Amino acid sequence: MTMMELPSALNVIIVTPIRQLFGAEVFAVTLPGENGELQILPGHLNLITALTQGALILREGNDKEDLYYVGDGFAEVCGETVTILVNEAAHYSELNRADIAAELDAASKLCQETSGDDLILAQKQFKRAEVRKSVMLLARELKLPEPEISADLLSNPIEH
């Protein structure tokens, strides 16, 4: 009796309402599930799961990793294809420290000044900025290459 050979790669696709952000083969993907992180490896059972905003980590083999911020959505594992449908996504290198700092500041002020439905919206904006900041910090922890800094940020740095 011969053992069935497991596939060695996953085909991962990240899609937002605006664009397909990623589509390639990887060894593994770690997703921000509603109940915690979920790692998908080749040979995983078929599944559909809800995602919450957070870090999505792609492992491309030879210890090479890549990182994305993803918003709320769903992931479907079907055979060796993992389709990730989220309301927003960005490669870690697209995240901007100054923008995130401004988002945190604005959302924090809104949280203090509003109530009711506006407060709920301000809290969601604050959480989004906090999660995006945590993805930037994770990129540093994973020792991913630093994104290139635009000239306007160099002339107006923000302390962190």
Protein backbone atom coordinates (compact mmCIF):
# COMPACT_ATOMS: atom_id res chain seq x y z
CA MET A 1 0.00 0.00 0.00
CA THR A 2 1.43 3.39 -0.97
CA MET A 3 0.83 6.54 1.00
CA MET A 4 -0.80 9.44 -0.77
CA GLU A 5 1.68 12.25 -1.27
CA LEU A 6 0.68 15.61 0.18
CA PRO A 7 0.94 18.70 -2.03
CA SER A 8 3.91 20.96 -1.34
CA ALA A 9 2.28 24.36 -1.93
CA LEU A 10 -0.90 26.39 -1.65
CA ASN A 11 -2.26 28.79 -4.23
CA VAL A 12 -3.22 31.89 -2.21
CA ILE A 13 -5.35 34.71 -3.57
CA ILE A 14 -6.12 37.92 -1.62
CA VAL A 15 -9.04 39.91 -3.04
CA THR A 16 -10.67 43.18 -1.95
CA PRO A 17 -13.65 44.89 -3.59
CA ILE A 18 -11.15 47.10 -5.46
CA ARG A 19 -8.38 44.75 -6.56
CA GLN A 20 -6.65 41.41 -6.37
CA LEU A 21 -3.74 42.18 -4.10
CA PHE A 22 -1.89 38.86 -4.21
CA GLY A 23 -1.97 35.63 -6.14
CA ALA A 24 0.86 33.10 -5.96
CA GLU A 25 2.02 29.81 -4.52
CA VAL A 26 3.21 29.73 -0.91
CA PHE A 27 4.09 27.05 1.60
CA ALA A 28 1.72 28.26 4.34
CA VAL A 29 -0.60 31.11 5.27
CA THR A 30 -1.54 32.34 8.75
CA LEU A 31 -4.93 34.05 8.90
CA PRO A 32 -6.47 36.35 11.54
CA GLY A 33 -9.57 34.26 12.38
CA GLU A 34 -12.36 35.51 14.60
CA ASN A 35 -11.29 33.03 17.29
CA GLY A 36 -7.54 33.49 16.88
CA GLU A 37 -4.86 32.76 14.32
CA LEU A 38 -5.41 29.93 11.86
CA GLN A 39 -2.53 28.40 9.93
CA ILE A 40 -3.25 26.68 6.62
CA LEU A 41 -0.72 24.21 5.23
CA PRO A 42 -0.83 22.10 2.05
CA GLY A 43 -3.30 19.23 2.46
CA HIS A 44 -5.60 21.19 4.82
CA LEU A 45 -9.23 20.13 4.84
CA ASN A 46 -11.70 22.29 2.93
CA LEU A 47 -13.09 25.10 5.05
CA ILE A 48 -14.82 28.47 5.05
CA THR A 49 -14.07 30.78 7.98
CA ALA A 50 -14.71 34.36 9.03
CA LEU A 51 -11.70 36.66 9.35
CA THR A 52 -11.22 39.70 11.50
CA GLN A 53 -8.87 42.58 10.75
CA GLY A 54 -5.29 41.68 11.50
CA ALA A 55 -2.02 40.34 10.17
CA LEU A 56 -1.91 37.79 7.38
CA ILE A 57 1.45 36.03 7.12
CA LEU A 58 2.60 34.19 4.01
CA ARG A 59 5.42 31.68 4.31
CA GLU A 60 7.08 31.27 0.96
CA GLY A 61 9.66 28.62 1.90
CA ASN A 62 13.32 28.89 2.97
CA ASP A 63 12.14 30.92 5.98
CA LYS A 64 10.99 33.73 3.68
CA GLU A 65 7.89 35.47 5.00
CA ASP A 66 5.65 38.26 3.76
CA LEU A 67 3.03 40.26 5.62
CA TYR A 68 -0.29 41.94 4.86
CA TYR A 69 -2.84 43.92 6.84
CA VAL A 70 -6.33 42.58 6.10
CA GLY A 71 -9.73 43.86 7.14
CA ASP A 72 -12.79 41.80 7.99
CA GLY A 73 -13.86 39.12 5.56
CA PHE A 74 -13.78 35.41 4.79
CA ALA A 75 -11.32 32.75 3.74
CA GLU A 76 -12.14 29.64 1.74
CA VAL A 77 -9.82 26.64 1.57
CA CYS A 78 -10.77 24.41 -1.35
CA GLY A 79 -8.21 21.81 -2.32
CA GLU A 80 -4.89 23.61 -2.58
CA THR A 81 -6.44 27.04 -3.17
CA VAL A 82 -6.93 29.55 -0.36
CA THR A 83 -9.14 32.46 -1.41
CA ILE A 84 -9.18 35.41 0.98
CA LEU A 85 -12.00 37.92 0.47
CA VAL A 86 -11.66 40.98 2.69
CA ASN A 87 -13.09 44.50 2.76
CA GLU A 88 -9.58 46.00 2.64
CA ALA A 89 -5.98 44.84 2.53
CA ALA A 90 -2.50 46.31 2.20
CA HIS A 91 1.01 44.95 1.99
CA TYR A 92 2.95 45.98 5.09
CA SER A 93 5.16 48.19 2.92
CA GLU A 94 2.09 50.24 1.91
CA LEU A 95 1.35 51.18 5.52
CA ASN A 96 2.55 54.63 6.48
CA ARG A 97 3.60 55.53 10.03
CA ALA A 98 2.54 59.14 9.72
CA ASP A 99 -0.89 58.21 8.36
CA ILE A 100 -1.44 55.67 11.12
CA ALA A 101 -0.35 58.14 13.81
CA ALA A 102 -2.78 60.70 12.39
CA GLU A 103 -5.58 58.08 12.26
CA LEU A 104 -4.95 57.13 15.90
CA ASP A 105 -4.94 60.77 16.98
CA ALA A 106 -8.12 61.65 15.08
CA ALA A 107 -9.99 58.54 16.24
CA SER A 108 -8.90 59.09 19.84
CA LYS A 109 -10.23 62.66 19.77
CA LEU A 110 -13.49 61.47 18.19
CA CYS A 111 -13.90 58.84 20.91
CA GLN A 112 -13.65 61.56 23.57
CA GLU A 113 -15.97 64.00 21.80
CA THR A 114 -18.82 61.79 20.53
CA SER A 115 -21.46 59.38 21.73
CA GLY A 116 -23.97 56.89 20.35
CA ASP A 117 -23.46 55.66 16.79
CA ASP A 118 -20.68 58.18 16.21
CA LEU A 119 -18.78 56.75 19.19
CA ILE A 120 -19.09 53.22 17.76
CA LEU A 121 -17.72 54.45 14.44
CA ALA A 122 -14.85 56.29 16.18
CA GLN A 123 -14.00 53.14 18.17
CA LYS A 124 -13.90 51.11 14.94
CA GLN A 125 -11.59 53.70 13.35
CA PHE A 126 -9.32 53.58 16.40
CA LYS A 127 -9.21 49.76 16.35
CA ARG A 128 -8.38 49.77 12.62
CA ALA A 129 -5.46 52.16 13.19
CA GLU A 130 -4.23 50.10 16.17
CA VAL A 131 -4.31 46.89 14.11
CA ARG A 132 -2.48 48.55 11.20
CA LYS A 133 0.15 49.79 13.69
CA SER A 134 0.53 46.26 15.10
CA VAL A 135 1.11 44.92 11.56
CA MET A 136 3.92 47.46 11.10
CA LEU A 137 5.45 46.37 14.41
CA LEU A 138 5.14 42.70 13.42
CA ALA A 139 7.00 43.45 10.18
CA ARG A 140 9.88 44.73 12.30
CA GLU A 141 9.71 41.69 14.59
CA LEU A 142 9.80 39.35 11.57
CA LYS A 143 12.82 41.34 10.30
CA LEU A 144 11.13 42.08 6.99
CA PRO A 145 12.82 44.66 4.76
CA GLU A 146 12.05 48.23 5.73
CA PRO A 147 9.78 49.94 3.19
CA GLU A 148 11.27 52.83 1.31
CA ILE A 149 10.50 56.15 2.98
CA SER A 150 9.10 58.89 0.81
CA ALA A 151 10.82 62.29 0.71
CA ASP A 152 7.88 64.04 2.40
CA LEU A 153 8.22 61.78 5.46
CA LEU A 154 11.94 62.43 5.68
CA SER A 155 11.32 66.16 5.83
CA ASN A 156 8.57 65.77 8.46
CA PRO A 157 9.40 62.79 10.73
CA ILE A 158 7.09 61.69 13.53
CA GLU A 159 8.41 60.41 16.87
CA HIS A 160 7.23 56.97 18.02
